[in-house]
Every structure is written in C-alpha cells, then in structure tokens.
Protein backbone atom coordinates (compact mmCIF):
# COMPACT_ATOMS: atom_id res chain seq x y z
CA MET A 1 52.84 12.07 11.18
CA PRO A 2 49.43 10.87 12.22
CA VAL A 3 47.03 9.61 10.19
CA GLU A 4 43.85 11.53 8.70
CA LEU A 5 40.55 10.10 9.07
CA GLU A 6 37.62 11.24 7.00
CA TYR A 7 34.27 11.01 9.28
CA PRO A 8 30.45 12.48 8.53
CA SER A 9 29.86 15.88 9.67
CA ARG A 10 28.08 16.71 12.82
CA GLN A 11 26.43 19.61 14.55
CA ILE A 12 27.36 20.32 18.45
CA ALA A 13 25.72 23.28 20.33
CA VAL A 14 27.46 24.42 23.74
CA ILE A 15 25.49 26.52 25.99
CA ASP A 16 27.54 28.31 28.45
CA ILE A 17 26.15 30.30 31.51
CA GLY A 18 28.66 31.99 33.01
CA SER A 19 29.02 34.72 35.59
CA ASN A 20 29.05 37.38 33.42
CA SER A 21 27.63 36.08 30.10
CA VAL A 22 24.95 33.65 28.41
CA ARG A 23 26.47 32.48 25.35
CA LEU A 24 25.16 29.44 22.40
CA VAL A 25 27.90 28.45 19.62
CA LEU A 26 26.95 26.20 17.36
CA TYR A 27 30.16 24.22 16.12
CA ARG A 28 30.04 21.67 13.12
CA LEU A 29 32.79 19.15 12.74
CA GLU A 30 34.19 17.35 10.33
CA GLY A 31 36.39 15.03 11.67
CA ARG A 32 39.12 16.93 13.75
CA ALA A 33 38.09 19.93 12.16
CA VAL A 34 35.91 22.64 13.65
CA TRP A 35 33.73 25.75 12.25
CA THR A 36 31.68 28.06 14.59
CA MET A 37 28.64 28.12 12.52
CA PHE A 38 26.66 30.48 14.94
CA ASN A 39 27.78 32.55 18.28
CA GLU A 40 25.28 34.95 20.15
CA LYS A 41 25.88 35.95 23.81
CA VAL A 42 24.04 37.96 26.41
CA LEU A 43 26.05 39.87 29.35
CA ALA A 44 23.44 39.42 31.96
CA GLY A 45 25.68 39.71 34.61
CA LEU A 46 24.28 36.52 36.69
CA GLY A 47 27.09 36.78 39.36
CA ARG A 48 26.99 40.27 39.80
CA ASP A 49 25.68 41.08 43.54
CA ILE A 50 26.92 37.02 44.31
CA ALA A 51 29.88 38.62 46.64
CA ILE A 52 27.20 40.80 48.47
CA THR A 53 23.75 38.52 48.58
CA GLY A 54 25.13 35.24 47.82
CA ARG A 55 22.52 35.14 45.33
CA LEU A 56 22.20 35.44 41.37
CA TYR A 57 21.45 38.96 40.12
CA PRO A 58 17.65 39.43 39.68
CA GLU A 59 18.06 41.51 36.73
CA GLY A 60 20.78 39.12 35.43
CA VAL A 61 18.37 36.49 35.57
CA GLU A 62 15.44 37.61 33.43
CA MET A 63 18.36 37.99 30.86
CA ALA A 64 19.95 34.99 31.10
CA MET A 65 15.96 33.41 30.97
CA THR A 66 15.09 35.47 27.44
CA ALA A 67 18.10 34.65 26.31
CA LEU A 68 18.23 30.74 26.99
CA ARG A 69 14.24 30.39 26.31
CA ARG A 70 15.80 32.07 22.47
CA PHE A 71 18.59 29.71 22.33
CA ALA A 72 16.02 26.95 23.02
CA ALA A 73 14.03 28.27 20.21
CA VAL A 74 16.69 27.85 17.57
CA LEU A 75 17.90 24.96 18.55
CA GLU A 76 14.52 23.61 18.15
CA GLY A 77 14.96 24.73 14.22
CA VAL A 78 18.48 23.49 13.78
CA GLN A 79 18.15 20.35 15.46
CA PRO A 80 21.74 19.58 16.17
CA ASP A 81 23.14 16.16 16.83
CA THR A 82 24.01 17.13 20.62
CA ILE A 83 23.25 19.45 22.96
CA LEU A 84 25.43 20.55 25.67
CA THR A 85 24.19 22.97 28.32
CA ALA A 86 27.04 23.78 31.01
CA ALA A 87 26.99 26.59 34.18
CA THR A 88 29.95 27.55 35.91
CA ALA A 89 30.87 29.73 39.24
CA ALA A 90 27.87 32.04 39.52
CA VAL A 91 25.10 29.15 39.20
CA ARG A 92 27.51 26.52 41.50
CA GLU A 93 28.14 29.31 43.97
CA ALA A 94 24.48 30.97 44.41
CA GLU A 95 22.11 29.59 46.95
CA ASP A 96 19.40 30.11 44.41
CA GLY A 97 21.62 28.08 41.72
CA PRO A 98 19.30 25.10 41.90
CA GLU A 99 16.57 26.73 41.62
CA PHE A 100 17.77 28.82 38.19
CA CYS A 101 18.15 25.33 37.07
CA ARG A 102 14.97 24.34 37.70
CA ARG A 103 13.51 27.15 35.87
CA VAL A 104 15.40 27.00 32.96
CA ALA A 105 14.58 22.97 32.71
CA GLU A 106 11.00 24.05 33.20
CA GLN A 107 11.02 26.73 30.70
CA THR A 108 13.32 25.37 28.17
CA GLY A 109 13.66 21.71 28.54
CA LEU A 110 17.59 22.62 28.69
CA ASN A 111 18.95 20.68 31.35
CA ILE A 112 21.97 22.14 32.47
CA ARG A 113 25.59 20.51 33.93
CA VAL A 114 26.77 22.89 36.98
CA LEU A 115 30.60 22.33 36.40
CA SER A 116 32.69 21.92 39.69
CA GLY A 117 35.63 24.61 40.00
CA GLU A 118 38.18 21.64 39.13
CA GLU A 119 35.99 20.54 36.04
CA GLU A 120 36.26 23.79 35.26
CA ALA A 121 39.89 24.24 35.41
CA ARG A 122 40.10 20.80 33.23
CA TYR A 123 37.65 22.06 30.77
CA ALA A 124 39.34 25.07 30.24
CA ALA A 125 42.68 23.43 30.27
CA LEU A 126 41.12 21.13 27.34
CA GLY A 127 40.06 23.54 25.61
CA VAL A 128 43.42 25.60 25.02
CA ARG A 129 45.42 22.38 23.96
CA ALA A 130 42.40 21.40 21.95
CA GLY A 131 43.21 24.84 19.41
CA ALA A 132 46.89 24.81 20.11
CA PRO A 133 48.47 21.39 20.70
CA ALA A 134 51.57 22.72 21.71
CA SER A 135 50.76 24.93 24.54
CA CYS A 136 52.21 24.26 28.18
CA GLY A 137 52.79 26.22 31.30
CA LEU A 138 49.59 27.42 33.12
CA VAL A 139 46.37 27.92 32.26
CA ALA A 140 44.05 30.73 33.66
CA ASP A 141 40.61 31.18 32.87
CA MET A 142 38.89 34.27 33.98
CA GLY A 143 34.93 34.30 34.76
CA GLY A 144 32.93 36.99 36.21
CA ALA A 145 32.75 34.98 39.44
CA SER A 146 35.99 33.35 39.79
CA LEU A 147 39.81 32.35 38.36
CA GLU A 148 40.74 28.93 37.35
CA LEU A 149 44.14 27.55 37.32
CA MET A 150 45.41 24.72 36.11
CA GLN A 151 48.77 23.30 34.96
CA LEU A 152 49.22 21.59 31.28
CA GLY A 153 50.96 18.37 31.57
CA GLN A 154 50.71 17.87 34.83
CA ALA A 155 48.69 15.66 36.96
CA GLY A 156 46.69 16.49 39.83
CA PRO A 157 43.19 18.73 39.73
CA GLY A 158 43.29 22.75 38.81
CA VAL A 159 42.15 24.86 41.86
CA THR A 160 39.54 27.75 41.50
CA LEU A 161 39.64 31.46 43.17
CA PRO A 162 37.56 34.04 44.39
CA LEU A 163 39.52 36.47 41.81
CA GLY A 164 36.84 37.52 39.47
CA PRO A 165 35.67 40.90 38.70
CA PHE A 166 32.46 40.08 40.67
CA ALA A 167 33.92 38.51 43.33
CA LEU A 168 36.89 41.13 43.77
CA SER A 169 33.92 44.26 43.45
CA GLY A 170 31.72 43.34 46.43
CA GLY A 171 29.67 45.91 45.83
CA LYS A 172 32.56 48.96 46.51
CA ALA A 173 34.29 51.35 44.25
CA PHE A 174 37.36 50.01 42.54
CA ASP A 175 40.45 50.79 44.97
CA ALA A 176 43.53 49.67 43.10
CA ASP A 177 45.90 49.57 45.87
CA LYS A 178 43.80 47.76 48.18
CA LEU A 179 42.62 45.01 45.77
CA ARG A 180 45.99 44.48 44.66
CA SER A 181 47.01 43.59 47.89
CA ARG A 182 44.12 41.66 48.32
CA VAL A 183 45.09 39.79 44.60
CA ASN A 184 48.68 38.91 45.72
CA ARG A 185 47.37 37.60 49.11
CA ILE A 186 45.56 35.13 47.57
CA LEU A 187 47.79 34.11 44.71
CA ASP A 188 50.43 33.68 47.30
CA THR A 189 48.40 30.70 48.68
CA VAL A 190 48.94 28.79 44.95
CA ALA A 191 52.15 30.21 43.84
CA VAL A 192 54.28 27.72 44.90
CA ASP A 193 52.42 24.83 42.61
CA TYR A 194 51.34 27.23 39.95
CA ARG A 195 54.30 29.17 38.67
CA ALA A 196 55.19 28.54 35.17
CA SER A 197 57.26 30.25 32.60
CA ASP A 198 54.10 30.92 30.08
CA LEU A 199 50.20 31.55 30.86
CA ASN A 200 47.42 30.71 28.82
CA ALA A 201 44.74 33.44 29.36
CA VAL A 202 41.03 32.44 28.74
CA GLY A 203 38.21 34.54 28.94
CA GLY A 204 36.59 37.84 27.36
CA ALA A 205 37.93 40.06 29.95
CA TRP A 206 41.32 39.29 28.69
CA ARG A 207 40.72 38.78 25.21
CA ALA A 208 39.55 42.64 25.08
CA LEU A 209 42.88 43.36 26.83
CA ALA A 210 44.83 41.17 23.82
CA GLN A 211 42.62 43.87 21.70
CA MET A 212 43.05 46.76 23.25
CA ASN A 213 47.20 46.09 22.99
CA MET A 214 46.61 45.40 19.31
CA ALA A 215 45.05 48.75 18.80
CA MET A 216 47.81 50.43 20.40
CA ASP A 217 50.97 48.79 18.88
CA GLY A 218 49.22 48.68 15.35
CA HIS A 219 49.45 45.08 15.76
CA PRO A 220 48.94 44.09 12.20
CA LEU A 221 46.79 41.00 12.43
CA LYS A 222 43.57 41.28 14.55
CA ILE A 223 42.97 37.73 15.41
CA VAL A 224 42.98 37.02 19.58
CA HIS A 225 43.73 33.33 19.61
CA GLN A 226 47.62 33.05 19.88
CA TYR A 227 48.42 36.41 20.16
CA CYS A 228 51.49 36.31 22.27
CA LEU A 229 52.99 39.58 24.98
CA ASN A 230 56.05 39.26 26.78
CA ALA A 231 55.23 39.27 30.43
CA GLY A 232 56.75 42.98 30.70
CA LYS A 233 54.52 44.50 27.91
CA ALA A 234 51.70 42.64 29.30
CA ARG A 235 52.22 44.03 32.78
CA ASP A 236 52.37 47.58 31.48
CA LEU A 237 49.12 47.35 30.01
CA ALA A 238 47.65 45.44 32.84
CA ARG A 239 48.91 48.20 35.13
CA MET A 240 47.36 51.15 32.58
CA VAL A 241 44.06 49.68 32.17
CA THR A 242 44.00 49.89 36.28
CA GLN A 243 44.49 53.57 35.73
CA GLN A 244 41.63 54.22 33.71
CA SER A 245 38.28 55.23 34.14
CA ARG A 246 35.36 53.12 32.99
CA GLN A 247 34.25 56.22 30.58
CA PHE A 248 37.63 56.38 29.02
CA LEU A 249 37.97 52.60 28.36
CA GLU A 250 34.73 52.88 26.51
CA LYS A 251 35.53 56.21 24.46
CA GLN A 252 39.29 55.10 23.50
CA TYR A 253 38.98 52.05 22.93
CA GLY A 254 35.15 50.85 21.78
CA ILE A 255 35.01 48.63 24.91
CA SER A 256 31.12 48.09 25.89
CA ARG A 257 30.08 49.37 29.33
CA ARG A 258 29.43 46.09 31.05
CA ARG A 259 32.89 45.11 30.05
CA ALA A 260 34.41 48.60 30.82
CA GLU A 261 33.22 47.87 34.23
CA THR A 262 34.76 44.48 34.81
CA LEU A 263 38.35 45.10 32.89
CA PRO A 264 40.45 47.06 35.72
CA TYR A 265 39.61 43.83 37.89
CA ALA A 266 40.68 41.57 35.28
CA ALA A 267 43.59 43.11 34.74
CA LEU A 268 44.69 43.42 37.97
CA VAL A 269 44.38 39.74 38.62
CA LEU A 270 46.55 39.52 35.47
CA GLU A 271 49.09 41.84 36.90
CA GLY A 272 49.48 39.67 40.31
CA LEU A 273 49.76 36.41 38.16
CA ILE A 274 52.65 38.05 36.34
CA ASP A 275 54.29 39.44 39.73
CA ARG A 276 53.60 36.04 42.14
CA LEU A 277 54.04 33.37 39.80
CA GLY A 278 56.83 34.35 37.53
CA LEU A 279 55.60 34.21 34.02
CA GLN A 280 57.68 35.43 30.84
CA ARG A 281 55.07 35.12 28.27
CA VAL A 282 51.30 35.51 27.82
CA HIS A 283 49.26 33.83 25.28
CA PHE A 284 45.74 34.53 24.85
CA SER A 285 43.31 32.01 23.91
CA ALA A 286 40.32 32.16 22.10
CA TRP A 287 39.45 28.44 22.72
CA GLY A 288 38.45 27.40 26.44
CA VAL A 289 35.58 25.49 28.48
CA ARG A 290 33.38 25.10 25.64
CA GLU A 291 35.74 23.74 23.34
CA GLY A 292 37.33 21.43 26.13
CA LEU A 293 33.59 20.51 26.42
CA LEU A 294 33.29 20.03 22.67
CA HIS A 295 36.18 18.07 22.06
CA GLU A 296 35.54 15.79 25.05
CA ARG A 297 33.12 14.07 22.61
CA ILE A 298 35.69 13.88 19.56
CA ASP A 299 37.30 10.05 19.23
CA SER A 300 40.59 9.68 20.40
CA ARG A 301 41.64 8.88 17.27
CA LEU A 302 41.06 11.60 15.91
CA MET A 303 42.26 14.01 18.44
CA ALA A 304 45.85 12.52 17.37
CA VAL A 305 45.71 14.78 14.13
CA ASP A 306 46.91 18.12 14.37
CA PRO A 307 44.26 20.56 13.97
CA LEU A 308 45.87 23.06 11.52
CA LEU A 309 46.08 19.72 9.31
CA ALA A 310 42.83 18.61 9.74
CA GLY A 311 41.27 22.34 9.38
CA CYS A 312 42.85 22.64 5.80
CA SER A 313 42.23 18.97 4.76
CA ALA A 314 38.50 20.05 5.64
CA TRP A 315 38.77 23.31 3.80
CA GLY A 316 40.67 22.54 0.72
CA GLY A 317 38.52 19.06 0.65
CA ARG A 318 35.53 21.30 -0.31
CA GLN A 319 36.94 23.65 -1.85
CA GLY A 320 38.87 21.75 -4.30
CA VAL A 321 38.54 19.75 -7.30
CA ASP A 322 40.43 16.62 -7.07
CA PRO A 323 40.92 15.12 -3.41
CA SER A 324 44.07 12.68 -4.23
CA LEU A 325 46.15 16.13 -5.46
CA PRO A 326 47.09 17.38 -1.99
CA ARG A 327 48.54 14.19 -0.81
CA ALA A 328 50.75 13.73 -4.48
CA LEU A 329 51.73 17.45 -3.85
CA ASP A 330 52.77 16.81 -0.28
CA GLY A 331 55.13 13.67 -1.77
CA TRP A 332 56.14 15.58 -4.57
CA LEU A 333 57.57 18.28 -2.44
CA GLN A 334 59.55 15.99 -0.22
CA THR A 335 62.61 16.32 -2.32
CA LEU A 336 62.45 19.74 -2.07
CA THR A 337 61.87 20.34 1.24
CA PRO A 338 65.69 19.76 3.05
CA ALA A 339 67.09 22.41 0.69
CA LEU A 340 64.71 24.51 2.36
CA PRO A 341 65.68 27.08 5.44
CA GLU A 342 64.25 25.88 8.54
CA VAL A 343 61.58 28.16 10.29
CA PHE A 344 59.16 26.92 12.85
CA GLY A 345 61.16 23.73 13.70
CA GLU A 346 61.57 20.39 11.63
CA GLU A 347 58.41 18.83 12.91
CA ARG A 348 56.57 21.78 12.86
CA ASP A 349 57.85 22.99 9.49
CA ALA A 350 56.40 19.50 8.16
CA ILE A 351 53.42 19.64 9.55
CA ILE A 352 52.87 23.68 8.25
CA THR A 353 53.87 22.20 4.54
CA SER A 354 51.25 19.06 4.65
CA SER A 355 48.69 21.47 5.57
CA ALA A 356 49.75 24.29 2.74
CA CYS A 357 49.36 21.25 0.45
CA ARG A 358 45.64 20.48 1.80
CA LEU A 359 44.99 24.29 0.15
CA ALA A 360 46.82 23.87 -3.00
CA ASP A 361 43.01 23.97 -4.67
CA ILE A 362 41.23 26.55 -2.22
CA GLY A 363 41.64 29.19 -5.27
CA ALA A 364 40.08 26.83 -8.01
CA ARG A 365 36.73 28.49 -7.78
CA LEU A 366 37.72 32.11 -7.71
CA HIS A 367 38.06 34.99 -10.13
CA PRO A 368 41.44 34.06 -11.81
CA ASP A 369 42.21 37.85 -11.87
CA HIS A 370 42.54 38.12 -8.10
CA ARG A 371 42.90 34.56 -7.55
CA PRO A 372 46.09 35.85 -5.53
CA GLU A 373 45.34 38.53 -3.15
CA LEU A 374 41.88 36.50 -2.33
CA VAL A 375 43.55 33.52 -1.50
CA PHE A 376 46.20 35.46 0.65
CA ASP A 377 43.40 37.35 2.65
CA GLN A 378 41.37 34.00 3.32
CA VAL A 379 44.35 31.74 4.34
CA LEU A 380 45.85 34.92 6.72
CA ARG A 381 42.47 35.23 8.43
CA SER A 382 40.79 31.78 8.36
CA PRO A 383 39.27 30.46 11.31
CA ILE A 384 41.47 27.38 11.63
CA ALA A 385 42.84 26.79 14.89
CA SER A 386 46.78 25.96 16.07
CA GLN A 387 48.23 28.53 14.10
CA THR A 388 50.43 31.26 15.73
CA HIS A 389 50.70 34.73 14.22
CA ALA A 390 53.53 33.92 12.37
CA GLU A 391 52.45 30.96 10.82
CA ARG A 392 49.45 32.44 9.44
CA ALA A 393 51.70 34.98 7.69
CA PHE A 394 53.44 32.11 6.41
CA MET A 395 50.76 30.12 5.19
CA ALA A 396 49.03 33.18 3.30
CA LEU A 397 52.39 34.31 1.86
CA THR A 398 53.01 30.60 0.28
CA MET A 399 49.42 30.57 -1.33
CA TYR A 400 49.81 33.55 -2.75
CA ALA A 401 52.95 32.60 -4.58
CA ARG A 402 51.28 29.11 -5.61
CA TYR A 403 48.36 31.26 -7.05
CA GLY A 404 50.71 33.57 -9.14
CA GLY A 405 51.44 36.60 -6.99
CA THR A 406 54.10 39.07 -8.29
CA GLY A 407 55.95 41.18 -6.68
CA ARG A 408 55.09 42.93 -2.79
CA PRO A 409 52.40 40.52 -1.73
CA PRO A 410 49.18 42.31 0.32
CA LEU A 411 50.16 43.54 3.35
CA GLN A 412 53.85 43.61 2.95
CA ALA A 413 54.62 45.08 6.11
CA LEU A 414 52.49 42.59 8.19
CA VAL A 415 54.48 39.74 6.42
CA SER A 416 58.21 41.56 7.29
CA GLN A 417 57.12 42.06 10.85
CA LEU A 418 55.68 37.98 11.44
CA LEU A 419 58.45 36.57 9.16
CA SER A 420 62.25 36.34 9.16
CA PRO A 421 63.71 36.88 5.68
CA ALA A 422 64.32 32.71 5.84
CA GLY A 423 60.46 32.47 6.59
CA ILE A 424 59.84 34.52 3.73
CA LYS A 425 62.15 32.06 1.54
CA ARG A 426 60.58 29.21 2.67
CA ALA A 427 57.34 30.12 1.94
CA LYS A 428 57.77 31.54 -1.49
CA ALA A 429 59.50 28.75 -2.52
CA LEU A 430 56.74 26.07 -1.50
CA GLY A 431 54.20 28.40 -3.09
CA LEU A 432 56.07 28.49 -6.47
CA ALA A 433 57.04 24.60 -6.21
CA MET A 434 53.44 23.98 -5.61
CA ARG A 435 52.48 25.98 -8.86
CA LEU A 436 55.01 24.63 -10.54
CA ALA A 437 53.64 20.71 -9.64
CA CYS A 438 49.95 22.05 -10.29
CA ASP A 439 50.74 23.45 -13.83
CA LEU A 440 53.31 21.02 -15.22
CA SER A 441 50.66 17.91 -14.16
CA GLY A 442 47.27 19.55 -15.11
CA ARG A 443 46.42 18.88 -11.13
CA SER A 444 46.98 15.25 -12.16
CA PRO A 445 48.40 13.35 -9.39
CA GLN A 446 49.33 10.08 -11.77
CA LEU A 447 51.10 12.42 -14.29
CA LEU A 448 52.77 14.14 -11.24
CA SER A 449 54.33 11.21 -9.86
CA ASN A 450 56.25 10.78 -13.10
CA ALA A 451 58.18 13.63 -12.66
CA ALA A 452 60.80 14.60 -9.62
CA LEU A 453 62.73 17.81 -8.55
CA SER A 454 66.08 17.61 -6.96
CA VAL A 455 68.17 19.98 -5.33
CA SER A 456 71.91 20.28 -5.37
CA LYS A 457 74.57 22.74 -4.15
CA SER A 458 74.17 25.04 -7.06
CA HIS A 459 71.80 23.51 -9.54
CA LEU A 460 67.41 22.66 -9.35
CA LYS A 461 66.69 20.15 -11.94
CA LEU A 462 63.12 18.67 -12.66
CA THR A 463 63.44 15.49 -14.42
CA ALA A 464 60.54 12.96 -15.69
CA VAL A 465 60.65 8.95 -16.24
CA LYS A 466 60.84 7.63 -20.04
CA GLY A 467 58.17 8.45 -21.88
CA TYR A 468 57.26 11.38 -19.80
CA ASN A 469 59.99 13.88 -21.18
CA SER A 470 57.13 16.11 -23.33
CA MET A 471 55.18 16.95 -20.11
CA LEU A 472 58.60 19.22 -19.16
CA LEU A 473 58.82 21.08 -22.71
CA GLY A 474 56.53 23.45 -22.16
CA SER A 475 57.46 27.37 -22.05
CA GLN A 476 54.72 27.53 -19.40
CA THR A 477 56.28 24.66 -17.23
CA LYS A 478 60.03 26.30 -17.81
CA ARG A 479 58.84 29.64 -16.31
CA ARG A 480 57.62 27.85 -12.95
CA ALA A 481 60.97 26.25 -12.55
CA LYS A 482 62.88 29.29 -13.43
CA ALA A 483 60.93 31.18 -10.81
CA LEU A 484 61.48 28.40 -8.30
CA ALA A 485 65.16 28.21 -9.01
CA ASP A 486 65.34 32.39 -8.72
CA VAL A 487 63.96 32.31 -5.54
CA LEU A 488 66.27 29.55 -4.01
CA GLU A 489 69.01 31.16 -5.44
CA LEU A 490 69.89 28.40 -7.91
CA GLU A 491 70.80 27.48 -11.44
CA LEU A 492 67.94 25.98 -13.17
CA VAL A 493 69.11 22.75 -15.09
CA GLU A 494 67.70 22.79 -18.72
CA PHE A 495 65.77 19.70 -19.28
C-alpha cells in the first residue's frame, strides 16, 4: 500500500470558461485530498450561436464578463496560492475568441489559457482518473459546442467532435431523426478507434441525465459521481429524453430552462455512443477538465496514494484525537480481516479497511446520543472521491457499527439495495472490531499493541501479553468482544 504523505494545505482556484457555462471552483488541497470550498457558475451560453455566426453569443459574452469580474473580485479577497483560467471549444473556435480573451485580461487581470481539443480530452481523462483511479474504457466530455473522446490507458491523443448541443442545433428546431443520423455519421468516423465496454460520461448535461434516472428509479443515494447504469438502461433513458418537450423536462424533473434546451441533444449523443461504440456500462463522473488541470499540479508522489485513503486521512486527522490511532487500528485488524468475506476484491477491501480506520475518531466531537446516526450520514455523503455507491454504503455501515449503532441502520433500504449480505457482514464486523479496539485500549495505540485478536474456524479469542491481562477484564470489553463474535457466528473464548 502506498505510503501516505502529509503536506501543508493550499488553495487552487480554477476558472472554467466553457461553451455553455462559466464557473469558478476554489479547491483546498491537503496532500492528495481535495475539498471543494467554493463553487459558482453562470450559464452564459457563449457557444449558443457559434454554428451559425462563427462568433460568441453577444448576450453570453456580457454575462460571462459580469461573472468573470465578480470571480476576479472574489479571488482578490481569497488570495489563493494558484489561479488557473482555461477556456474550451467556444472560445477556441470563435473568430472573436482572441478578442474576448484580451477583454477579459484588460478588465479582470485573468489570463485565459485556451485549450486545444486534444488538451481538453486529455484533461477530462486525467480528471476522471484522478477521481476514480480504477476507471477504464472511454472518457467522453460533453460540452456546449463539442464532444471530446479519449481512451484511458492508451497512448495517443484524444479527438474532438462537433457534437455539442450548440453545434448540433444550428439555430433549427430539434428534429430527433435527422439529428440521430447526423450524430451516427460523425461517430462512425471514430468507431474503430474508440470502441469500449465502459463509458465515463463527463459534463453537466449528462450529470442531469443521471439525476433524472435517480429520481425515476428512486435511487437511494443522490450522488452523481460514480453512479453507473448498464448501457440498455442508459439508452432507454436517452431515448425517452429525446421524445420530451423542454416544458415537460422543466416541470417534471425541475431542470432549468437553459439545461432543458440542450438536454435532448446530449441524450442523442449518448444514444449514439452506445449504439456505435459497443458500450456496456455508463459511469457518470463529477470530475473532469477542472480536476484534470488541478491534479496536474499535484506532486507525483502524492498521486500514488488512493484518493479515498487520502481523503479519509485528511478528514479523520482533523476530527480525531490521536493521529497515531488510525494506523494502530489498521495493523491490529490484520489478524481479523482474512476471516472476513471478500466484498470488493482483496486489494480494494484492504484500501477500504485502511480508509475506515482513518475515520475511527470522526465522532469524537459529536453528541454521544446521536453519534451512530450522525456518523453514518456524514460518511455516506462525504465529498471524498474514489467511492462507488456500494463502497459508500459499506463505509457508512462500518462507522455506524463502530459507534455502537444497534438494530437497523439509518436508510436500511439503501444498505440492503447497495450491499450484499456478505458486504453487510464484513462492514458490521469491521465496525465492531474497531469499537472493541478503541474501548479496550482507551484509544491508546501503545496499550492496543499489547492485545491481539485471533480467529479460528469456530472461535474468536482476545489475548494480551503478559502483564496486560487486566486490560481485558472489564465487562464492557467482554460485551464488545461478544458482539463481534456474534456477527461472525463464532464462539467467544473466555479471556
């Protein structure tokens, strides 16, 4: 497992001037851990008319300038360590793009880096991998004026295609059949090089599709990042959206007017990608170009650390009491984990176990009467990347058990839907073992090192080195050990 490195925190601001939106995100980096501290966007629609006029949308330019002047004022007050300002397809392709960049520099002092299509594809792929290192397959970044494609793990540049909603609309009414044929013709030109089983979908329009499907299915966890649909389900969703009016999308799903105007085009492109590239699964990513730009600034040694482990280390380090406790717990559990059912694969189970240990003390400053429920909810919905929805449920249930949650956990239906019986058993056992370790040692890593768990086919045994037997004699310690043995369906050997 990679060694964790600790670095002072720093702030990086990323301004993303896209074809549809202009956004400022202020990130705080604590080593490899990334926290979003401020996030504001304006749907300026800079690329709205570009297919017709070849120029930026005049009203959108004024909206963007207003937003950028405000962003510059915010950054003047915040004083981040680094400011990254990037523009994508609309500014890149518009004949008045250079004029817009000069105006921004004169009025705000912000120097815009205009990304090429290949750079945009590369940064989108870098962002996807930064937020979910195990990602594979194809990255597709849907912007207002273009679609960027890049294969993960393969050499060679990505490609940019004129398949953004503004490029497809051309000022004409939406005609699904004609546009579908156009989309398919364009995708056929790259189908050989970009076939994949997995699609990592980046962009606000596709995130809106994911949120729609969550609402339609009653999905219990409203987090887009690493939400996954099989290709058939995603295709049905896309086809449904292409058949709805803007007014219906606004009223039925609460989608903004500007987003509802572009959503059917994005749905057509998703349908085309599924049909033409042989996709089997669609993963929705909340990380893309902005995070790709950000992570280019992170030391390569830090990038070797799993983002889940890094995020839990940073969060637990701020909430916890003893910084040496998590690693002590992680080591202490090594005799137990081989006896637990494998859930996410041996290597991934080890990362998740270590990450959970980093959160062992996050409830220390919460009200004791409500710790289990509060910790469950915080861990389930944490902004830490590199977690599937099933892994979120697993971590939340582990921490619920660690803080003495009894009976049915909060959102029992969510847990049952996302976790297998083996996953539920492993999570409860890990949480109860952490609770036992913390209570028998008083959270002292030194004292904990003098006790050990052992598991046989039918028994669970807790032992101590000579001279430390008294640490095991408390009635509370016996209750904690008995609870763990019961979950594992083992007999507890008397101390």
